[in-house]
Amino acid sequence: DFVREDAKSLLTESRDGLLRVKNIVQDLRTFSHVDQAEWGRIDLRTGLESTINIVWSELRQKAELRREFGDIPPVLCNAGQLNQVFMNLLMNAAQAIDGHGLITVRTGAVAGADGVEGWVEVEDNGCGISPEHQARIFEPFFTTKPVGKGTGLGLSLAWGIVQKHGGRIEVDSVPGRGTCFRVCLPVDGPASHAANKAKEGTQ
């Protein structure tokens, strides 16, 4: 009787463990987009969710996570590369918090002279960035973290990826109050962005 009862418990635990493994593998596949072509139209919110799940063990120790997802059209992009950008911003937000704070992730879209832009924000209420450092945060190897805690390449690589997509990264930070990074991307990809800029130049 004991063996039969114990077997039921072990089978239940094994099933739960397999389900967790399945979810982790699915998140990793979504994160890297191994099943898709290099470029395609992607809902950035799906990439954000998979990235959040992958780094959740780190985030939950430092902050409450708040989602404020607005409507955003599918963006022509390399999803795997953009997920690397989101991972970098999320980890930086967690590391900027001393104790336990709040990280807010937002999405939305706006129509402008250059076409429709999708945007993703990662905001924290951590230590903030001083004005003199804000001018250098995207420089390769520049870091304000202690030795051994950062290479200074994360934001530089993120900047390069976003530029490759025809987009930009905006920063709003107040020392002692927190930082907000906004990634802005042309919905129709870098070619449409370049075409719109060229059109502006001829007018």
Protein backbone atom coordinates (compact mmCIF):
# COMPACT_ATOMS: atom_id res chain seq x y z
CA ASP A 1 0.00 0.00 0.00
CA PHE A 2 2.81 2.38 0.88
CA VAL A 3 4.58 1.73 -2.43
CA ARG A 4 1.37 2.30 -4.39
CA GLU A 5 0.69 5.61 -2.62
CA ASP A 6 4.31 6.73 -2.98
CA ALA A 7 4.28 5.87 -6.67
CA LYS A 8 1.28 8.13 -7.24
CA SER A 9 3.11 11.03 -5.59
CA LEU A 10 6.29 10.39 -7.58
CA LEU A 11 4.38 10.18 -10.86
CA THR A 12 2.61 13.47 -10.10
CA GLU A 13 5.92 15.18 -9.28
CA SER A 14 7.52 13.74 -12.42
CA ARG A 15 4.64 15.00 -14.56
CA ASP A 16 4.94 18.48 -13.03
CA GLY A 17 8.69 18.44 -13.61
CA LEU A 18 8.28 17.42 -17.24
CA LEU A 19 5.76 20.23 -17.75
CA ARG A 20 8.25 22.74 -16.34
CA VAL A 21 10.97 21.40 -18.66
CA LYS A 22 8.58 21.63 -21.62
CA ASN A 23 7.80 25.27 -20.78
CA ILE A 24 11.48 26.15 -20.39
CA VAL A 25 12.35 24.57 -23.74
CA GLN A 26 9.44 26.37 -25.41
CA ASP A 27 10.59 29.70 -23.93
CA LEU A 28 14.13 29.07 -25.16
CA ARG A 29 12.86 28.26 -28.66
CA THR A 30 10.73 31.41 -28.69
CA PHE A 31 13.63 33.45 -27.31
CA SER A 32 16.03 32.34 -30.05
CA HIS A 33 13.36 31.82 -32.74
CA VAL A 34 15.12 28.69 -33.95
CA ASP A 35 12.00 27.60 -35.85
CA GLN A 36 11.73 30.76 -37.94
CA ALA A 37 13.61 32.54 -40.68
CA GLU A 38 16.15 35.10 -39.54
CA TRP A 39 13.83 38.03 -40.28
CA GLY A 40 10.06 38.05 -40.05
CA ARG A 41 7.06 39.93 -38.69
CA ILE A 42 6.92 39.31 -34.97
CA ASP A 43 4.73 40.34 -32.03
CA LEU A 44 7.35 41.82 -29.71
CA ARG A 45 5.19 41.02 -26.69
CA THR A 46 5.72 37.30 -27.33
CA GLY A 47 9.48 37.81 -27.32
CA LEU A 48 9.27 39.89 -24.16
CA GLU A 49 7.31 37.18 -22.34
CA SER A 50 9.79 34.44 -23.30
CA THR A 51 12.70 36.66 -22.26
CA ILE A 52 11.05 37.48 -18.93
CA ASN A 53 10.50 33.77 -18.26
CA ILE A 54 14.14 32.98 -19.00
CA VAL A 55 15.52 35.62 -16.59
CA TRP A 56 12.68 35.37 -14.06
CA SER A 57 14.79 33.61 -11.42
CA GLU A 58 17.05 36.69 -11.38
CA LEU A 59 14.29 39.29 -11.62
CA ARG A 60 12.05 37.98 -8.86
CA GLN A 61 14.85 38.27 -6.31
CA LYS A 62 15.19 41.98 -7.00
CA ALA A 63 11.82 43.35 -8.05
CA GLU A 64 8.12 43.11 -8.65
CA LEU A 65 7.44 42.98 -12.39
CA ARG A 66 4.59 45.02 -13.83
CA ARG A 67 3.37 44.56 -17.42
CA GLU A 68 1.66 47.44 -19.21
CA PHE A 69 1.35 46.02 -22.72
CA GLY A 70 -0.37 48.26 -25.25
CA ASP A 71 -1.30 47.31 -28.80
CA ILE A 72 1.66 46.99 -31.13
CA PRO A 73 1.59 45.75 -34.75
CA PRO A 74 3.92 42.91 -35.80
CA VAL A 75 7.40 44.32 -36.40
CA LEU A 76 9.67 43.21 -39.26
CA CYS A 77 12.79 42.22 -37.34
CA ASN A 78 15.28 39.59 -36.27
CA ALA A 79 13.44 38.43 -33.16
CA GLY A 80 16.35 36.52 -31.65
CA GLN A 81 18.56 39.61 -31.74
CA LEU A 82 15.87 41.87 -30.25
CA ASN A 83 15.26 39.37 -27.46
CA GLN A 84 18.95 39.75 -26.59
CA VAL A 85 18.34 43.50 -26.29
CA PHE A 86 15.34 42.95 -24.00
CA MET A 87 17.33 40.52 -21.85
CA ASN A 88 20.12 43.06 -21.43
CA LEU A 89 17.70 45.84 -20.43
CA LEU A 90 15.84 43.60 -17.97
CA MET A 91 19.04 42.39 -16.30
CA ASN A 92 20.40 45.94 -16.09
CA ALA A 93 17.14 47.07 -14.48
CA ALA A 94 17.38 44.32 -11.86
CA GLN A 95 21.04 45.12 -11.13
CA ALA A 96 20.24 48.82 -10.70
CA ILE A 97 17.89 48.06 -7.78
CA ASP A 98 19.27 47.96 -4.26
CA GLY A 99 17.03 45.72 -2.20
CA HIS A 100 13.63 45.00 -3.72
CA GLY A 101 12.04 47.38 -6.21
CA LEU A 102 9.79 47.62 -9.24
CA ILE A 103 10.43 46.91 -12.93
CA THR A 104 7.77 48.00 -15.42
CA VAL A 105 7.67 46.71 -19.00
CA ARG A 106 5.52 48.61 -21.51
CA THR A 107 4.75 48.32 -25.22
CA GLY A 108 2.97 50.53 -27.70
CA ALA A 109 3.04 52.09 -31.14
CA VAL A 110 2.96 55.60 -32.56
CA ALA A 111 2.49 56.96 -36.07
CA GLY A 112 4.94 59.66 -37.15
CA ALA A 113 6.42 61.33 -40.20
CA ASP A 114 8.69 58.30 -40.76
CA GLY A 115 5.83 55.78 -40.54
CA VAL A 116 4.59 53.62 -37.66
CA GLU A 117 7.01 52.87 -34.84
CA GLY A 118 6.64 50.16 -32.26
CA TRP A 119 8.24 50.78 -28.90
CA VAL A 120 9.21 48.78 -25.82
CA GLU A 121 10.07 50.36 -22.48
CA VAL A 122 11.89 48.84 -19.51
CA GLU A 123 11.74 51.06 -16.45
CA ASP A 124 13.15 50.54 -12.95
CA ASN A 125 13.09 52.51 -9.74
CA GLY A 126 16.73 51.81 -8.99
CA CYS A 127 19.80 53.98 -8.52
CA GLY A 128 19.54 55.90 -11.80
CA ILE A 129 22.37 57.08 -14.05
CA SER A 130 24.27 60.32 -13.54
CA PRO A 131 24.15 62.86 -16.42
CA GLU A 132 27.86 62.48 -17.16
CA HIS A 133 27.50 58.72 -17.45
CA GLN A 134 24.36 58.88 -19.60
CA ALA A 135 26.43 60.33 -22.42
CA ARG A 136 28.73 57.26 -22.37
CA ILE A 137 26.54 54.25 -21.53
CA PHE A 138 26.50 52.99 -25.14
CA GLU A 139 30.29 53.16 -25.51
CA PRO A 140 31.98 49.73 -25.78
CA PHE A 141 33.57 48.61 -22.48
CA PHE A 142 32.14 51.53 -20.50
CA THR A 143 30.55 50.34 -17.25
CA THR A 144 29.75 51.76 -13.83
CA LYS A 145 29.53 48.28 -12.31
CA PRO A 146 32.23 46.93 -9.97
CA VAL A 147 35.11 44.97 -11.47
CA GLY A 148 33.94 41.49 -12.38
CA LYS A 149 30.27 42.48 -12.49
CA GLY A 150 30.02 43.75 -16.04
CA THR A 151 31.94 43.92 -19.32
CA GLY A 152 30.54 47.21 -20.55
CA LEU A 153 29.43 45.53 -23.79
CA GLY A 154 25.75 44.85 -23.12
CA LEU A 155 24.33 48.28 -23.97
CA SER A 156 26.83 48.79 -26.78
CA LEU A 157 25.69 45.55 -28.44
CA ALA A 158 22.04 46.45 -27.81
CA TRP A 159 22.58 49.82 -29.48
CA GLY A 160 24.16 48.15 -32.51
CA ILE A 161 21.29 45.66 -32.86
CA VAL A 162 18.64 48.37 -32.62
CA GLN A 163 20.48 50.57 -35.14
CA LYS A 164 20.67 47.58 -37.50
CA HIS A 165 16.87 47.49 -37.28
CA GLY A 166 16.62 51.17 -38.22
CA GLY A 167 15.64 52.09 -34.67
CA ARG A 168 17.02 53.90 -31.66
CA ILE A 169 17.26 53.61 -27.88
CA GLU A 170 16.15 56.54 -25.72
CA VAL A 171 17.16 56.94 -22.08
CA ASP A 172 15.44 58.90 -19.32
CA SER A 173 17.14 58.65 -15.95
CA VAL A 174 17.15 60.53 -12.66
CA PRO A 175 19.86 59.62 -10.13
CA GLY A 176 18.29 58.08 -7.06
CA ARG A 177 14.89 57.64 -8.72
CA GLY A 178 15.38 55.21 -11.59
CA THR A 179 15.87 54.74 -15.31
CA CYS A 180 13.66 54.13 -18.32
CA PHE A 181 15.03 52.71 -21.58
CA ARG A 182 12.77 52.94 -24.64
CA VAL A 183 13.52 50.88 -27.75
CA CYS A 184 11.87 52.40 -30.85
CA LEU A 185 11.61 50.33 -34.04
CA PRO A 186 10.11 51.00 -37.49
CA VAL A 187 7.28 48.47 -37.90
CA ASP A 188 8.16 47.85 -41.56
CA GLY A 189 11.86 47.27 -40.92
CA PRO A 190 15.09 49.16 -41.57
CA ALA A 191 14.56 49.45 -45.35
CA SER A 192 11.37 51.46 -44.87
CA HIS A 193 13.09 53.66 -42.31
CA ALA A 194 15.98 54.39 -44.71
CA ALA A 195 13.53 55.09 -47.55
CA ASN A 196 11.57 57.55 -45.43
CA LYS A 197 14.75 59.33 -44.40
CA ALA A 198 15.89 59.57 -48.02
CA LYS A 199 12.49 60.96 -49.00
CA GLU A 200 12.80 63.63 -46.28
CA GLY A 201 16.21 64.59 -47.65
CA THR A 202 14.85 65.28 -51.11
CA GLN A 203 11.99 67.47 -49.92
